[in-house]
Amino acid sequence: MRKTVTTIAVVLVFGGAAFGWWLLQNQPASAPKSKTTQAASKSKKPSNPNEHSYMDVDFARKMIVHNQQGVQMADIAKKNATSEEVRQLAALISKELSSNTKKYTDWLNEWKETYFNLSDFPEIEGHDMYPTHPGMASLSDLRELESATGSSVDKLFLRLMITHHEGANEISNAEYLKGMQFGQMINLKNKTVKKQTEETQTMKQLQAKGN
């Protein structure tokens, strides 16, 4: 009986977090504008870069979860990779993503907006509510990276992080994000895209060297 009650409690907790995430991820980026609204918007003054829009909030929420997974993978590689170049790059990526995540969470807290951390989601293989933003690794990939040894760590990390960076840039370049308003976040997004594009090229060069 006690085991049954415990199981139900776990399901309710996981289900609540997953349902909350589903609600956040399925909010529309913006409501369709009527012709009247579009006409009226032309007469409005330019947007204030010190204010934020829903697109800023949506982007920050996605990147918090995305970056936190990137930090997980980078921390494994900086500890277990055999190549010094790979370890150094992993340490740099971990530091960058951690710094960016703090900025996103600080802004959302300042705006009194809610968000989820990656740790809020149940790590159950095949669970259909685990975040699947572009480029994010599956739980199977993460487990494989955690258990890998020797040069396999280097190879798997590079493959997963290249995909991870490319996915982050895909999110950042989404058409609807042209509606972002908060100037500091836009600048961070653009700098990050440039930096991660450069890091992706570096990782592909390391792959070509046999890492």
Protein backbone atom coordinates (compact mmCIF):
# COMPACT_ATOMS: atom_id res chain seq x y z
CA MET A 1 0.00 0.00 0.00
CA ARG A 2 2.80 2.39 0.98
CA LYS A 3 4.56 1.66 -2.33
CA THR A 4 1.38 2.43 -4.27
CA VAL A 5 0.91 5.77 -2.49
CA THR A 6 4.55 6.70 -3.10
CA THR A 7 4.23 5.86 -6.80
CA ILE A 8 1.12 8.00 -7.14
CA ALA A 9 2.86 10.91 -5.41
CA VAL A 10 5.85 10.69 -7.76
CA VAL A 11 3.58 10.62 -10.80
CA LEU A 12 1.68 13.68 -9.55
CA VAL A 13 4.88 15.65 -8.92
CA PHE A 14 6.43 14.74 -12.29
CA GLY A 15 3.14 15.22 -14.06
CA GLY A 16 2.68 18.68 -12.52
CA ALA A 17 6.13 19.83 -13.63
CA ALA A 18 5.68 18.35 -17.10
CA PHE A 19 2.23 19.88 -17.54
CA GLY A 20 3.52 23.25 -16.41
CA TRP A 21 6.36 23.04 -18.91
CA TRP A 22 3.92 22.04 -21.64
CA LEU A 23 1.83 25.14 -20.90
CA LEU A 24 4.89 27.39 -21.07
CA GLN A 25 6.15 25.89 -24.29
CA ASN A 26 2.77 25.98 -26.02
CA GLN A 27 1.88 29.58 -25.32
CA PRO A 28 1.67 31.40 -28.65
CA ALA A 29 4.60 33.71 -29.32
CA SER A 30 2.17 36.44 -30.22
CA ALA A 31 -1.50 36.71 -30.97
CA PRO A 32 -2.45 37.23 -34.64
CA LYS A 33 -3.02 40.89 -35.40
CA SER A 34 -6.13 42.11 -37.09
CA LYS A 35 -5.88 44.63 -39.91
CA THR A 36 -7.11 47.28 -37.51
CA THR A 37 -4.37 46.45 -35.00
CA GLN A 38 -1.72 46.45 -37.73
CA ALA A 39 -2.84 49.83 -38.95
CA ALA A 40 -2.85 51.25 -35.45
CA SER A 41 0.63 49.86 -34.73
CA LYS A 42 2.11 51.97 -37.54
CA SER A 43 1.25 55.11 -35.64
CA LYS A 44 2.82 53.90 -32.37
CA LYS A 45 6.16 55.22 -31.23
CA PRO A 46 9.23 52.93 -31.64
CA SER A 47 9.60 50.15 -29.09
CA ASN A 48 11.59 50.93 -25.96
CA PRO A 49 14.75 48.74 -25.69
CA ASN A 50 14.57 49.10 -21.91
CA GLU A 51 11.22 47.28 -21.88
CA HIS A 52 10.58 43.61 -22.67
CA SER A 53 8.06 41.75 -24.79
CA TYR A 54 6.65 38.24 -24.63
CA MET A 55 9.28 37.17 -27.18
CA ASP A 56 12.05 38.16 -24.74
CA VAL A 57 10.45 36.06 -22.02
CA ASP A 58 9.90 33.08 -24.32
CA PHE A 59 13.48 33.16 -25.58
CA ALA A 60 14.94 33.39 -22.07
CA ARG A 61 12.85 30.44 -20.88
CA LYS A 62 14.04 28.26 -23.73
CA MET A 63 17.68 29.22 -23.35
CA ILE A 64 17.75 28.55 -19.59
CA VAL A 65 16.87 24.89 -20.14
CA HIS A 66 19.00 24.61 -23.29
CA ASN A 67 22.06 26.14 -21.64
CA GLN A 68 21.75 24.06 -18.50
CA GLN A 69 21.96 20.88 -20.53
CA GLY A 70 24.97 22.28 -22.38
CA VAL A 71 26.68 22.90 -19.04
CA GLN A 72 25.96 19.29 -18.00
CA MET A 73 27.69 17.95 -21.10
CA ALA A 74 30.58 20.39 -20.96
CA ASP A 75 31.28 19.60 -17.30
CA ILE A 76 31.53 15.89 -18.13
CA ALA A 77 33.95 16.58 -20.97
CA LYS A 78 36.18 19.00 -19.07
CA LYS A 79 36.66 16.26 -16.47
CA ASN A 80 36.84 13.10 -18.60
CA ALA A 81 37.99 14.04 -22.12
CA THR A 82 41.45 12.79 -23.09
CA SER A 83 42.37 15.73 -25.33
CA GLU A 84 43.61 18.87 -23.57
CA GLU A 85 42.10 20.97 -26.37
CA VAL A 86 38.70 19.37 -25.85
CA ARG A 87 38.90 19.80 -22.07
CA GLN A 88 39.81 23.48 -22.39
CA LEU A 89 37.02 24.13 -24.89
CA ALA A 90 34.52 22.30 -22.68
CA ALA A 91 35.55 24.43 -19.68
CA LEU A 92 35.10 27.61 -21.75
CA ILE A 93 31.66 26.52 -22.99
CA SER A 94 30.56 25.63 -19.45
CA LYS A 95 31.61 29.05 -18.16
CA GLU A 96 29.92 30.91 -21.03
CA LEU A 97 26.63 29.02 -20.81
CA SER A 98 26.52 29.35 -17.01
CA SER A 99 27.06 33.10 -17.27
CA ASN A 100 24.37 33.49 -19.94
CA THR A 101 21.90 31.41 -17.94
CA LYS A 102 22.38 33.61 -14.88
CA LYS A 103 21.61 36.69 -16.96
CA TYR A 104 18.43 35.14 -18.34
CA THR A 105 17.22 34.06 -14.90
CA ASP A 106 18.09 37.44 -13.38
CA TRP A 107 16.05 39.23 -16.05
CA LEU A 108 13.06 36.93 -15.66
CA ASN A 109 13.17 37.30 -11.88
CA GLU A 110 13.38 41.07 -12.26
CA TRP A 111 10.32 40.97 -14.53
CA LYS A 112 8.55 38.59 -12.11
CA GLU A 113 8.21 35.98 -14.87
CA THR A 114 8.17 32.23 -14.19
CA TYR A 115 10.51 29.66 -15.73
CA PHE A 116 11.65 26.05 -15.30
CA ASN A 117 15.13 24.69 -14.75
CA LEU A 118 16.24 21.49 -16.46
CA SER A 119 16.30 19.79 -13.05
CA ASP A 120 12.53 20.34 -12.77
CA PHE A 121 11.91 17.66 -15.39
CA PRO A 122 11.86 13.95 -14.55
CA GLU A 123 14.79 12.10 -16.04
CA ILE A 124 12.83 9.11 -17.24
CA GLU A 125 13.84 7.53 -20.55
CA GLY A 126 11.09 7.93 -23.12
CA HIS A 127 9.25 10.54 -21.06
CA ASP A 128 7.58 12.70 -23.69
CA MET A 129 7.72 15.86 -21.58
CA TYR A 130 11.53 16.02 -21.36
CA PRO A 131 12.62 19.26 -23.13
CA THR A 132 13.29 18.74 -26.82
CA HIS A 133 14.32 22.18 -28.03
CA PRO A 134 16.43 22.11 -31.23
CA GLY A 135 19.85 20.59 -30.62
CA MET A 136 19.16 19.20 -27.17
CA ALA A 137 20.56 15.74 -26.45
CA SER A 138 18.30 12.85 -25.49
CA LEU A 139 18.55 11.24 -22.08
CA SER A 140 20.17 8.22 -23.76
CA ASP A 141 22.87 10.47 -25.23
CA LEU A 142 23.52 12.04 -21.81
CA ARG A 143 23.80 8.64 -20.14
CA GLU A 144 26.17 7.44 -22.85
CA LEU A 145 28.38 10.53 -22.38
CA GLU A 146 28.39 10.04 -18.61
CA SER A 147 29.51 6.42 -18.90
CA ALA A 148 31.98 6.89 -21.80
CA THR A 149 35.71 6.48 -21.23
CA GLY A 150 38.88 7.37 -23.07
CA SER A 151 38.68 8.99 -26.50
CA SER A 152 35.00 8.06 -26.73
CA VAL A 153 34.28 10.97 -24.39
CA ASP A 154 35.95 13.42 -26.76
CA LYS A 155 34.19 12.10 -29.86
CA LEU A 156 30.74 11.94 -28.29
CA PHE A 157 31.04 15.34 -26.62
CA LEU A 158 32.08 17.05 -29.85
CA ARG A 159 29.22 15.45 -31.77
CA LEU A 160 26.61 16.33 -29.17
CA MET A 161 27.88 19.86 -28.54
CA ILE A 162 28.07 20.73 -32.23
CA THR A 163 24.42 19.72 -32.54
CA HIS A 164 23.64 21.59 -29.31
CA HIS A 165 25.25 24.83 -30.52
CA GLU A 166 23.60 24.59 -33.93
CA GLY A 167 20.24 24.06 -32.22
CA ALA A 168 20.76 27.10 -30.00
CA ASN A 169 21.51 29.20 -33.06
CA GLU A 170 18.39 27.84 -34.76
CA ILE A 171 16.30 29.00 -31.80
CA SER A 172 18.05 32.39 -31.77
CA ASN A 173 17.40 32.95 -35.48
CA ALA A 174 13.71 32.02 -35.35
CA GLU A 175 11.62 34.43 -37.40
CA TYR A 176 9.27 35.39 -34.58
CA LEU A 177 12.19 36.51 -32.39
CA LYS A 178 12.54 39.56 -34.60
CA GLY A 179 9.85 40.84 -32.24
CA MET A 180 12.24 40.80 -29.28
CA GLN A 181 12.47 44.18 -27.62
CA PHE A 182 14.82 44.15 -24.64
CA GLY A 183 18.09 45.59 -25.93
CA GLN A 184 20.47 43.87 -23.51
CA MET A 185 18.99 40.45 -24.30
CA ILE A 186 19.13 41.06 -28.04
CA ASN A 187 22.81 42.02 -27.75
CA LEU A 188 23.55 38.90 -25.69
CA LYS A 189 21.69 36.71 -28.18
CA ASN A 190 23.63 38.11 -31.15
CA LYS A 191 27.01 37.85 -29.40
CA THR A 192 26.24 34.27 -28.38
CA VAL A 193 25.28 33.26 -31.93
CA LYS A 194 28.60 34.64 -33.20
CA LYS A 195 30.60 32.96 -30.43
CA GLN A 196 28.90 29.59 -30.78
CA THR A 197 29.31 29.64 -34.56
CA GLU A 198 33.06 30.09 -34.01
CA GLU A 199 33.13 27.32 -31.39
CA THR A 200 31.25 25.00 -33.73
CA GLN A 201 33.93 25.50 -36.38
CA THR A 202 36.62 24.78 -33.78
CA MET A 203 34.86 21.57 -32.73
CA LYS A 204 34.56 20.42 -36.34
CA GLN A 205 38.29 21.02 -36.77
CA LEU A 206 38.96 18.92 -33.66
CA GLN A 207 36.79 16.18 -35.12
CA ALA A 208 38.80 16.27 -38.34
CA LYS A 209 41.98 15.80 -36.27
CA GLY A 210 40.57 12.57 -34.92
CA ASN A 211 39.17 13.78 -31.61
